[in-house]
Amino acid sequence: MSPAPYRVHKLIQDLMKDPAGQAAFAGNPEPAFEAHGLTEAEKVLLRDGSPAALDQLGVHPNLQMKYGRLRIPPGSPPPPGGGPLAAYLDRLEGC
């Protein structure tokens, strides 16, 4: 695995273990990006957060779904269209 996917995977996995970090990340992801040593190109793709951008980074599909949930502030209503889970299931149907 190249360094980029490792850094991104580590960011997502660390945030999934830290509820306070998740809330902070949803409000402002920049400190977490800096703490994990992400490059500017990686930050741009993560800010985009689309499946295509995450694919470009080499993020595993399960972590893509988790990343989508991390970007939603706690207590927010679900996004229209079903959010990251619906997008993930749509992508699986195409396989």
PDB file of N, CA and C in Angstrom:
ATOM      1  N   MET A   1       0.862  -1.176   0.000  1.00  0.00           N
ATOM      2  CA  MET A   1       0.000   0.000   0.000  1.00  0.00           C
ATOM      3  C   MET A   1       0.904   1.232   0.000  1.00  0.00           C
ATOM      4  N   SER A   2       0.570   2.173  -0.848  1.00  0.00           N
ATOM      5  CA  SER A   2       1.368   3.401  -0.893  1.00  0.00           C
ATOM      6  C   SER A   2       1.061   4.255   0.336  1.00  0.00           C
ATOM      7  N   PRO A   3       1.906   5.236   0.631  1.00  0.00           N
ATOM      8  CA  PRO A   3       1.705   6.055   1.833  1.00  0.00           C
ATOM      9  C   PRO A   3       0.378   6.817   1.858  1.00  0.00           C
ATOM     10  N   ALA A   4      -0.115   7.275   0.710  1.00  0.00           N
ATOM     11  CA  ALA A   4      -1.348   8.076   0.701  1.00  0.00           C
ATOM     12  C   ALA A   4      -2.537   7.286   1.252  1.00  0.00           C
ATOM     13  N   PRO A   5      -2.852   6.088   0.713  1.00  0.00           N
ATOM     14  CA  PRO A   5      -3.993   5.366   1.272  1.00  0.00           C
ATOM     15  C   PRO A   5      -3.790   5.026   2.751  1.00  0.00           C
ATOM     16  N   TYR A   6      -2.556   4.731   3.138  1.00  0.00           N
ATOM     17  CA  TYR A   6      -2.316   4.407   4.545  1.00  0.00           C
ATOM     18  C   TYR A   6      -2.677   5.597   5.435  1.00  0.00           C
ATOM     19  N   ARG A   7      -2.225   6.785   5.072  1.00  0.00           N
ATOM     20  CA  ARG A   7      -2.518   7.971   5.883  1.00  0.00           C
ATOM     21  C   ARG A   7      -4.018   8.235   5.958  1.00  0.00           C
ATOM     22  N   VAL A   8      -4.684   8.102   4.833  1.00  0.00           N
ATOM     23  CA  VAL A   8      -6.126   8.365   4.786  1.00  0.00           C
ATOM     24  C   VAL A   8      -6.878   7.292   5.573  1.00  0.00           C
ATOM     25  N   HIS A   9      -6.499   6.025   5.386  1.00  0.00           N
ATOM     26  CA  HIS A   9      -7.155   4.945   6.127  1.00  0.00           C
ATOM     27  C   HIS A   9      -6.957   5.135   7.627  1.00  0.00           C
ATOM     28  N   LYS A  10      -5.749   5.515   8.023  1.00  0.00           N
ATOM     29  CA  LYS A  10      -5.457   5.730   9.448  1.00  0.00           C
ATOM     30  C   LYS A  10      -6.315   6.874   9.999  1.00  0.00           C
ATOM     31  N   LEU A  11      -6.460   7.947   9.241  1.00  0.00           N
ATOM     32  CA  LEU A  11      -7.311   9.070   9.655  1.00  0.00           C
ATOM     33  C   LEU A  11      -8.725   8.588   9.928  1.00  0.00           C
ATOM     34  N   ILE A  12      -9.302   7.857   8.988  1.00  0.00           N
ATOM     35  CA  ILE A  12     -10.684   7.401   9.123  1.00  0.00           C
ATOM     36  C   ILE A  12     -10.817   6.432  10.303  1.00  0.00           C
ATOM     37  N   GLN A  13      -9.899   5.495  10.407  1.00  0.00           N
ATOM     38  CA  GLN A  13      -9.962   4.523  11.498  1.00  0.00           C
ATOM     39  C   GLN A  13      -9.798   5.196  12.855  1.00  0.00           C
ATOM     40  N   ASP A  14      -8.891   6.149  12.965  1.00  0.00           N
ATOM     41  CA  ASP A  14      -8.704   6.870  14.233  1.00  0.00           C
ATOM     42  C   ASP A  14      -9.961   7.641  14.612  1.00  0.00           C
ATOM     43  N   LEU A  15     -10.580   8.294  13.647  1.00  0.00           N
ATOM     44  CA  LEU A  15     -11.794   9.062  13.932  1.00  0.00           C
ATOM     45  C   LEU A  15     -12.959   8.160  14.331  1.00  0.00           C
ATOM     46  N   MET A  16     -13.047   6.978  13.744  1.00  0.00           N
ATOM     47  CA  MET A  16     -14.133   6.060  14.084  1.00  0.00           C
ATOM     48  C   MET A  16     -14.037   5.600  15.540  1.00  0.00           C
ATOM     49  N   LYS A  17     -12.858   5.650  16.123  1.00  0.00           N
ATOM     50  CA  LYS A  17     -12.648   5.239  17.516  1.00  0.00           C
ATOM     51  C   LYS A  17     -12.849   6.387  18.504  1.00  0.00           C
ATOM     52  N   ASP A  18     -13.030   7.612  18.015  1.00  0.00           N
ATOM     53  CA  ASP A  18     -13.038   8.796  18.872  1.00  0.00           C
ATOM     54  C   ASP A  18     -14.284   9.652  18.624  1.00  0.00           C
ATOM     55  N   PRO A  19     -15.353   9.454  19.420  1.00  0.00           N
ATOM     56  CA  PRO A  19     -16.580  10.235  19.200  1.00  0.00           C
ATOM     57  C   PRO A  19     -16.364  11.746  19.262  1.00  0.00           C
ATOM     58  N   ALA A  20     -15.526  12.208  20.190  1.00  0.00           N
ATOM     59  CA  ALA A  20     -15.272  13.654  20.276  1.00  0.00           C
ATOM     60  C   ALA A  20     -14.536  14.124  19.020  1.00  0.00           C
ATOM     61  N   GLY A  21     -13.619  13.328  18.534  1.00  0.00           N
ATOM     62  CA  GLY A  21     -12.896  13.658  17.306  1.00  0.00           C
ATOM     63  C   GLY A  21     -13.818  13.690  16.103  1.00  0.00           C
ATOM     64  N   GLN A  22     -14.811  12.799  16.094  1.00  0.00           N
ATOM     65  CA  GLN A  22     -15.782  12.778  14.994  1.00  0.00           C
ATOM     66  C   GLN A  22     -16.564  14.077  14.941  1.00  0.00           C
ATOM     67  N   ALA A  23     -17.023  14.534  16.095  1.00  0.00           N
ATOM     68  CA  ALA A  23     -17.798  15.775  16.139  1.00  0.00           C
ATOM     69  C   ALA A  23     -16.940  16.955  15.698  1.00  0.00           C
ATOM     70  N   ALA A  24     -15.703  16.987  16.163  1.00  0.00           N
ATOM     71  CA  ALA A  24     -14.798  18.074  15.777  1.00  0.00           C
ATOM     72  C   ALA A  24     -14.504  18.012  14.279  1.00  0.00           C
ATOM     73  N   PHE A  25     -14.320  16.810  13.760  1.00  0.00           N
ATOM     74  CA  PHE A  25     -14.007  16.633  12.341  1.00  0.00           C
ATOM     75  C   PHE A  25     -15.158  17.116  11.461  1.00  0.00           C
ATOM     76  N   ALA A  26     -16.386  16.806  11.857  1.00  0.00           N
ATOM     77  CA  ALA A  26     -17.548  17.230  11.069  1.00  0.00           C
ATOM     78  C   ALA A  26     -17.626  18.748  10.992  1.00  0.00           C
ATOM     79  N   GLY A  27     -17.195  19.426  12.060  1.00  0.00           N
ATOM     80  CA  GLY A  27     -17.226  20.889  12.065  1.00  0.00           C
ATOM     81  C   GLY A  27     -16.062  21.514  11.324  1.00  0.00           C
ATOM     82  N   ASN A  28     -14.870  20.940  11.489  1.00  0.00           N
ATOM     83  CA  ASN A  28     -13.664  21.473  10.848  1.00  0.00           C
ATOM     84  C   ASN A  28     -12.644  20.347  10.698  1.00  0.00           C
ATOM     85  N   PRO A  29     -12.519  19.769   9.510  1.00  0.00           N
ATOM     86  CA  PRO A  29     -11.618  18.631   9.331  1.00  0.00           C
ATOM     87  C   PRO A  29     -10.133  18.993   9.265  1.00  0.00           C
ATOM     88  N   GLU A  30      -9.820  20.269   9.103  1.00  0.00           N
ATOM     89  CA  GLU A  30      -8.426  20.667   8.877  1.00  0.00           C
ATOM     90  C   GLU A  30      -7.454  20.210   9.968  1.00  0.00           C
ATOM     91  N   PRO A  31      -7.774  20.340  11.274  1.00  0.00           N
ATOM     92  CA  PRO A  31      -6.819  19.873  12.288  1.00  0.00           C
ATOM     93  C   PRO A  31      -6.515  18.377  12.177  1.00  0.00           C
ATOM     94  N   ALA A  32      -7.520  17.582  11.856  1.00  0.00           N
ATOM     95  CA  ALA A  32      -7.291  16.138  11.695  1.00  0.00           C
ATOM     96  C   ALA A  32      -6.431  15.870  10.462  1.00  0.00           C
ATOM     97  N   PHE A  33      -6.671  16.620   9.388  1.00  0.00           N
ATOM     98  CA  PHE A  33      -5.836  16.458   8.189  1.00  0.00           C
ATOM     99  C   PHE A  33      -4.380  16.750   8.516  1.00  0.00           C
ATOM    100  N   GLU A  34      -4.152  17.826   9.254  1.00  0.00           N
ATOM    101  CA  GLU A  34      -2.777  18.212   9.619  1.00  0.00           C
ATOM    102  C   GLU A  34      -2.143  17.173  10.535  1.00  0.00           C
ATOM    103  N   ALA A  35      -2.906  16.686  11.510  1.00  0.00           N
ATOM    104  CA  ALA A  35      -2.372  15.727  12.476  1.00  0.00           C
ATOM    105  C   ALA A  35      -1.941  14.421  11.810  1.00  0.00           C
ATOM    106  N   HIS A  36      -2.563  14.086  10.695  1.00  0.00           N
ATOM    107  CA  HIS A  36      -2.222  12.847   9.995  1.00  0.00           C
ATOM    108  C   HIS A  36      -1.247  13.074   8.839  1.00  0.00           C
ATOM    109  N   GLY A  37      -0.742  14.288   8.712  1.00  0.00           N
ATOM    110  CA  GLY A  37       0.292  14.580   7.724  1.00  0.00           C
ATOM    111  C   GLY A  37      -0.150  14.438   6.281  1.00  0.00           C
ATOM    112  N   LEU A  38      -1.392  14.790   5.996  1.00  0.00           N
ATOM    113  CA  LEU A  38      -1.893  14.659   4.626  1.00  0.00           C
ATOM    114  C   LEU A  38      -1.320  15.755   3.730  1.00  0.00           C
ATOM    115  N   THR A  39      -1.117  15.409   2.481  1.00  0.00           N
ATOM    116  CA  THR A  39      -0.634  16.388   1.507  1.00  0.00           C
ATOM    117  C   THR A  39      -1.807  17.271   1.067  1.00  0.00           C
ATOM    118  N   GLU A  40      -1.492  18.367   0.407  1.00  0.00           N
ATOM    119  CA  GLU A  40      -2.547  19.264  -0.069  1.00  0.00           C
ATOM    120  C   GLU A  40      -3.448  18.545  -1.077  1.00  0.00           C
ATOM    121  N   ALA A  41      -2.883  17.714  -1.928  1.00  0.00           N
ATOM    122  CA  ALA A  41      -3.679  16.969  -2.910  1.00  0.00           C
ATOM    123  C   ALA A  41      -4.644  16.012  -2.204  1.00  0.00           C
ATOM    124  N   GLU A  42      -4.178  15.354  -1.158  1.00  0.00           N
ATOM    125  CA  GLU A  42      -5.045  14.455  -0.396  1.00  0.00           C
ATOM    126  C   GLU A  42      -6.167  15.232   0.290  1.00  0.00           C
ATOM    127  N   LYS A  43      -5.820  16.387   0.830  1.00  0.00           N
ATOM    128  CA  LYS A  43      -6.832  17.216   1.504  1.00  0.00           C
ATOM    129  C   LYS A  43      -7.919  17.651   0.528  1.00  0.00           C
ATOM    130  N   VAL A  44      -7.523  18.040  -0.674  1.00  0.00           N
ATOM    131  CA  VAL A  44      -8.488  18.486  -1.682  1.00  0.00           C
ATOM    132  C   VAL A  44      -9.466  17.358  -1.997  1.00  0.00           C
ATOM    133  N   LEU A  45      -8.943  16.152  -2.192  1.00  0.00           N
ATOM    134  CA  LEU A  45      -9.806  15.016  -2.517  1.00  0.00           C
ATOM    135  C   LEU A  45     -10.706  14.647  -1.339  1.00  0.00           C
ATOM    136  N   LEU A  46     -10.188  14.749  -0.124  1.00  0.00           N
ATOM    137  CA  LEU A  46     -11.012  14.444   1.047  1.00  0.00           C
ATOM    138  C   LEU A  46     -12.076  15.511   1.275  1.00  0.00           C
ATOM    139  N   ARG A  47     -11.759  16.763   0.991  1.00  0.00           N
ATOM    140  CA  ARG A  47     -12.779  17.819   1.107  1.00  0.00           C
ATOM    141  C   ARG A  47     -13.909  17.559   0.118  1.00  0.00           C
ATOM    142  N   ASP A  48     -13.549  17.083  -1.077  1.00  0.00           N
ATOM    143  CA  ASP A  48     -14.555  16.725  -2.084  1.00  0.00           C
ATOM    144  C   ASP A  48     -15.413  15.586  -1.515  1.00  0.00           C
ATOM    145  N   GLY A  49     -14.772  14.521  -1.065  1.00  0.00           N
ATOM    146  CA  GLY A  49     -15.464  13.415  -0.413  1.00  0.00           C
ATOM    147  C   GLY A  49     -16.307  12.544  -1.308  1.00  0.00           C
ATOM    148  N   SER A  50     -16.329  12.810  -2.603  1.00  0.00           N
ATOM    149  CA  SER A  50     -17.136  11.989  -3.509  1.00  0.00           C
ATOM    150  C   SER A  50     -16.505  10.608  -3.656  1.00  0.00           C
ATOM    151  N   PRO A  51     -17.301   9.603  -4.044  1.00  0.00           N
ATOM    152  CA  PRO A  51     -16.722   8.282  -4.257  1.00  0.00           C
ATOM    153  C   PRO A  51     -15.573   8.295  -5.272  1.00  0.00           C
ATOM    154  N   ALA A  52     -15.692   9.106  -6.320  1.00  0.00           N
ATOM    155  CA  ALA A  52     -14.625   9.176  -7.313  1.00  0.00           C
ATOM    156  C   ALA A  52     -13.331   9.723  -6.701  1.00  0.00           C
ATOM    157  N   ALA A  53     -13.455  10.752  -5.856  1.00  0.00           N
ATOM    158  CA  ALA A  53     -12.279  11.331  -5.210  1.00  0.00           C
ATOM    159  C   ALA A  53     -11.650  10.333  -4.250  1.00  0.00           C
ATOM    160  N   LEU A  54     -12.488   9.629  -3.484  1.00  0.00           N
ATOM    161  CA  LEU A  54     -11.965   8.648  -2.542  1.00  0.00           C
ATOM    162  C   LEU A  54     -11.356   7.456  -3.272  1.00  0.00           C
ATOM    163  N   ASP A  55     -11.930   7.071  -4.412  1.00  0.00           N
ATOM    164  CA  ASP A  55     -11.319   6.021  -5.243  1.00  0.00           C
ATOM    165  C   ASP A  55      -9.934   6.446  -5.707  1.00  0.00           C
ATOM    166  N   GLN A  56      -9.818   7.698  -6.104  1.00  0.00           N
ATOM    167  CA  GLN A  56      -8.538   8.218  -6.575  1.00  0.00           C
ATOM    168  C   GLN A  56      -7.479   8.130  -5.474  1.00  0.00           C
ATOM    169  N   LEU A  57      -7.900   8.278  -4.230  1.00  0.00           N
ATOM    170  CA  LEU A  57      -6.977   8.165  -3.093  1.00  0.00           C
ATOM    171  C   LEU A  57      -6.677   6.718  -2.724  1.00  0.00           C
ATOM    172  N   GLY A  58      -7.457   5.783  -3.253  1.00  0.00           N
ATOM    173  CA  GLY A  58      -7.255   4.380  -2.921  1.00  0.00           C
ATOM    174  C   GLY A  58      -7.948   3.958  -1.639  1.00  0.00           C
ATOM    175  N   VAL A  59      -9.015   4.677  -1.254  1.00  0.00           N
ATOM    176  CA  VAL A  59      -9.736   4.364  -0.024  1.00  0.00           C
ATOM    177  C   VAL A  59     -10.648   3.165  -0.264  1.00  0.00           C
ATOM    178  N   HIS A  60     -10.565   2.200   0.630  1.00  0.00           N
ATOM    179  CA  HIS A  60     -11.390   0.995   0.551  1.00  0.00           C
ATOM    180  C   HIS A  60     -12.873   1.384   0.619  1.00  0.00           C
ATOM    181  N   PRO A  61     -13.747   0.693  -0.119  1.00  0.00           N
ATOM    182  CA  PRO A  61     -15.170   1.056  -0.129  1.00  0.00           C
ATOM    183  C   PRO A  61     -15.823   1.097   1.258  1.00  0.00           C
ATOM    184  N   ASN A  62     -15.456   0.185   2.163  1.00  0.00           N
ATOM    185  CA  ASN A  62     -16.032   0.224   3.512  1.00  0.00           C
ATOM    186  C   ASN A  62     -15.624   1.510   4.230  1.00  0.00           C
ATOM    187  N   LEU A  63     -14.382   1.926   4.044  1.00  0.00           N
ATOM    188  CA  LEU A  63     -13.924   3.158   4.683  1.00  0.00           C
ATOM    189  C   LEU A  63     -14.526   4.385   4.002  1.00  0.00           C
ATOM    190  N   GLN A  64     -14.851   4.276   2.718  1.00  0.00           N
ATOM    191  CA  GLN A  64     -15.522   5.385   2.041  1.00  0.00           C
ATOM    192  C   GLN A  64     -16.872   5.656   2.690  1.00  0.00           C
ATOM    193  N   MET A  65     -17.595   4.588   3.011  1.00  0.00           N
ATOM    194  CA  MET A  65     -18.901   4.743   3.653  1.00  0.00           C
ATOM    195  C   MET A  65     -18.728   5.370   5.037  1.00  0.00           C
ATOM    196  N   LYS A  66     -17.734   4.916   5.782  1.00  0.00           N
ATOM    197  CA  LYS A  66     -17.484   5.477   7.115  1.00  0.00           C
ATOM    198  C   LYS A  66     -17.077   6.940   7.007  1.00  0.00           C
ATOM    199  N   TYR A  67     -16.265   7.264   6.012  1.00  0.00           N
ATOM    200  CA  TYR A  67     -15.834   8.655   5.839  1.00  0.00           C
ATOM    201  C   TYR A  67     -17.040   9.546   5.560  1.00  0.00           C
ATOM    202  N   GLY A  68     -17.970   9.060   4.759  1.00  0.00           N
ATOM    203  CA  GLY A  68     -19.181   9.829   4.485  1.00  0.00           C
ATOM    204  C   GLY A  68     -19.958  10.131   5.756  1.00  0.00           C
ATOM    205  N   ARG A  69     -20.012   9.166   6.665  1.00  0.00           N
ATOM    206  CA  ARG A  69     -20.715   9.389   7.939  1.00  0.00           C
ATOM    207  C   ARG A  69     -19.955  10.378   8.817  1.00  0.00           C
ATOM    208  N   LEU A  70     -18.631  10.351   8.769  1.00  0.00           N
ATOM    209  CA  LEU A  70     -17.829  11.257   9.596  1.00  0.00           C
ATOM    210  C   LEU A  70     -18.048  12.718   9.216  1.00  0.00           C
ATOM    211  N   ARG A  71     -18.391  12.969   7.975  1.00  0.00           N
ATOM    212  CA  ARG A  71     -18.541  14.343   7.500  1.00  0.00           C
ATOM    213  C   ARG A  71     -19.867  14.971   7.909  1.00  0.00           C
ATOM    214  N   ILE A  72     -20.787  14.172   8.456  1.00  0.00           N
ATOM    215  CA  ILE A  72     -22.100  14.668   8.859  1.00  0.00           C
ATOM    216  C   ILE A  72     -22.054  15.001  10.352  1.00  0.00           C
ATOM    217  N   PRO A  73     -22.354  16.245  10.736  1.00  0.00           N
ATOM    218  CA  PRO A  73     -22.343  16.589  12.161  1.00  0.00           C
ATOM    219  C   PRO A  73     -23.336  15.738  12.953  1.00  0.00           C
ATOM    220  N   PRO A  74     -22.961  15.321  14.176  1.00  0.00           N
ATOM    221  CA  PRO A  74     -23.870  14.513  14.994  1.00  0.00           C
ATOM    222  C   PRO A  74     -25.196  15.240  15.219  1.00  0.00           C
ATOM    223  N   GLY A  75     -26.281  14.474  15.164  1.00  0.00           N
ATOM    224  CA  GLY A  75     -27.604  15.048  15.391  1.00  0.00           C
ATOM    225  C   GLY A  75     -28.224  15.699  14.168  1.00  0.00           C
ATOM    226  N   SER A  76     -27.514  15.706  13.055  1.00  0.00           N
ATOM    227  CA  SER A  76     -28.057  16.292  11.824  1.00  0.00           C
ATOM    228  C   SER A  76     -29.063  15.333  11.202  1.00  0.00           C
ATOM    229  N   PRO A  77     -30.054  15.880  10.500  1.00  0.00           N
ATOM    230  CA  PRO A  77     -30.976  14.991   9.796  1.00  0.00           C
ATOM    231  C   PRO A  77     -30.237  14.271   8.670  1.00  0.00           C
ATOM    232  N   PRO A  78     -30.712  13.100   8.284  1.00  0.00           N
ATOM    233  CA  PRO A  78     -30.051  12.387   7.193  1.00  0.00           C
ATOM    234  C   PRO A  78     -30.066  13.215   5.909  1.00  0.00           C
ATOM    235  N   PRO A  79     -29.021  13.109   5.111  1.00  0.00           N
ATOM    236  CA  PRO A  79     -28.981  13.867   3.870  1.00  0.00           C
ATOM    237  C   PRO A  79     -30.021  13.357   2.871  1.00  0.00           C
ATOM    238  N   PRO A  80     -30.473  14.230   1.970  1.00  0.00           N
ATOM    239  CA  PRO A  80     -31.429  13.787   0.961  1.00  0.00           C
ATOM    240  C   PRO A  80     -30.802  12.727   0.072  1.00  0.00           C
ATOM    241  N   GLY A  81     -31.608  11.774  -0.342  1.00  0.00           N
ATOM    242  CA  GLY A  81     -31.101  10.721  -1.208  1.00  0.00           C
ATOM    243  C   GLY A  81     -30.476   9.566  -0.446  1.00  0.00           C
ATOM    244  N   GLY A  82     -30.506   9.594   0.879  1.00  0.00           N
ATOM    245  CA  GLY A  82     -30.015   8.470   1.654  1.00  0.00           C
ATOM    246  C   GLY A  82     -28.581   8.571   2.114  1.00  0.00           C
ATOM    247  N   GLY A  83     -27.831   9.533   1.628  1.00  0.00           N
ATOM    248  CA  GLY A  83     -26.465   9.751   2.102  1.00  0.00           C
ATOM    249  C   GLY A  83     -25.480   8.700   1.654  1.00  0.00           C
ATOM    250  N   PRO A  84     -24.398   8.527   2.421  1.00  0.00           N
ATOM    251  CA  PRO A  84     -23.300   7.664   1.996  1.00  0.00           C
ATOM    252  C   PRO A  84     -23.691   6.196   1.862  1.00  0.00           C
ATOM    253  N   LEU A  85     -24.597   5.703   2.725  1.00  0.00           N
ATOM    254  CA  LEU A  85     -24.981   4.304   2.624  1.00  0.00           C
ATOM    255  C   LEU A  85     -25.703   4.042   1.312  1.00  0.00           C
ATOM    256  N   ALA A  86     -26.615   4.912   0.936  1.00  0.00           N
ATOM    257  CA  ALA A  86     -27.342   4.734  -0.326  1.00  0.00           C
ATOM    258  C   ALA A  86     -26.385   4.789  -1.512  1.00  0.00           C
ATOM    259  N   ALA A  87     -25.425   5.705  -1.478  1.00  0.00           N
ATOM    260  CA  ALA A  87     -24.448   5.799  -2.571  1.00  0.00           C
ATOM    261  C   ALA A  87     -23.606   4.534  -2.645  1.00  0.00           C
ATOM    262  N   TYR A  88     -23.216   4.012  -1.494  1.00  0.00           N
ATOM    263  CA  TYR A  88     -22.414   2.788  -1.455  1.00  0.00           C
ATOM    264  C   TYR A  88     -23.211   1.613  -2.019  1.00  0.00           C
ATOM    265  N   LEU A  89     -24.482   1.478  -1.613  1.00  0.00           N
ATOM    266  CA  LEU A  89     -25.305   0.379  -2.115  1.00  0.00           C
ATOM    267  C   LEU A  89     -25.543   0.501  -3.608  1.00  0.00           C
ATOM    268  N   ASP A  90     -25.709   1.723  -4.095  1.00  0.00           N
ATOM    269  CA  ASP A  90     -25.862   1.928  -5.543  1.00  0.00           C
ATOM    270  C   ASP A  90     -24.631   1.456  -6.285  1.00  0.00           C
ATOM    271  N   ARG A  91     -23.453   1.744  -5.733  1.00  0.00           N
ATOM    272  CA  ARG A  91     -22.208   1.325  -6.377  1.00  0.00           C
ATOM    273  C   ARG A  91     -22.078  -0.192  -6.369  1.00  0.00           C
ATOM    274  N   LEU A  92     -22.546  -0.858  -5.306  1.00  0.00           N
ATOM    275  CA  LEU A  92     -22.468  -2.321  -5.243  1.00  0.00           C
ATOM    276  C   LEU A  92     -23.355  -2.973  -6.293  1.00  0.00           C
ATOM    277  N   GLU A  93     -24.507  -2.363  -6.567  1.00  0.00           N
ATOM    278  CA  GLU A  93     -25.406  -2.912  -7.573  1.00  0.00           C
ATOM    279  C   GLU A  93     -24.756  -2.930  -8.946  1.00  0.00           C
ATOM    280  N   GLY A  94     -23.843  -2.007  -9.191  1.00  0.00           N
ATOM    281  CA  GLY A  94     -23.173  -1.936 -10.487  1.00  0.00           C
ATOM    282  C   GLY A  94     -22.069  -2.967 -10.669  1.00  0.00           C
ATOM    283  N   CYS A  95     -21.721  -3.673  -9.606  1.00  0.00           N
ATOM    284  CA  CYS A  95     -20.622  -4.664  -9.682  1.00  0.00           C
ATOM    285  C   CYS A  95     -21.048  -5.938 -10.341  1.00  0.00           C
TER     286      CYS A  95
END
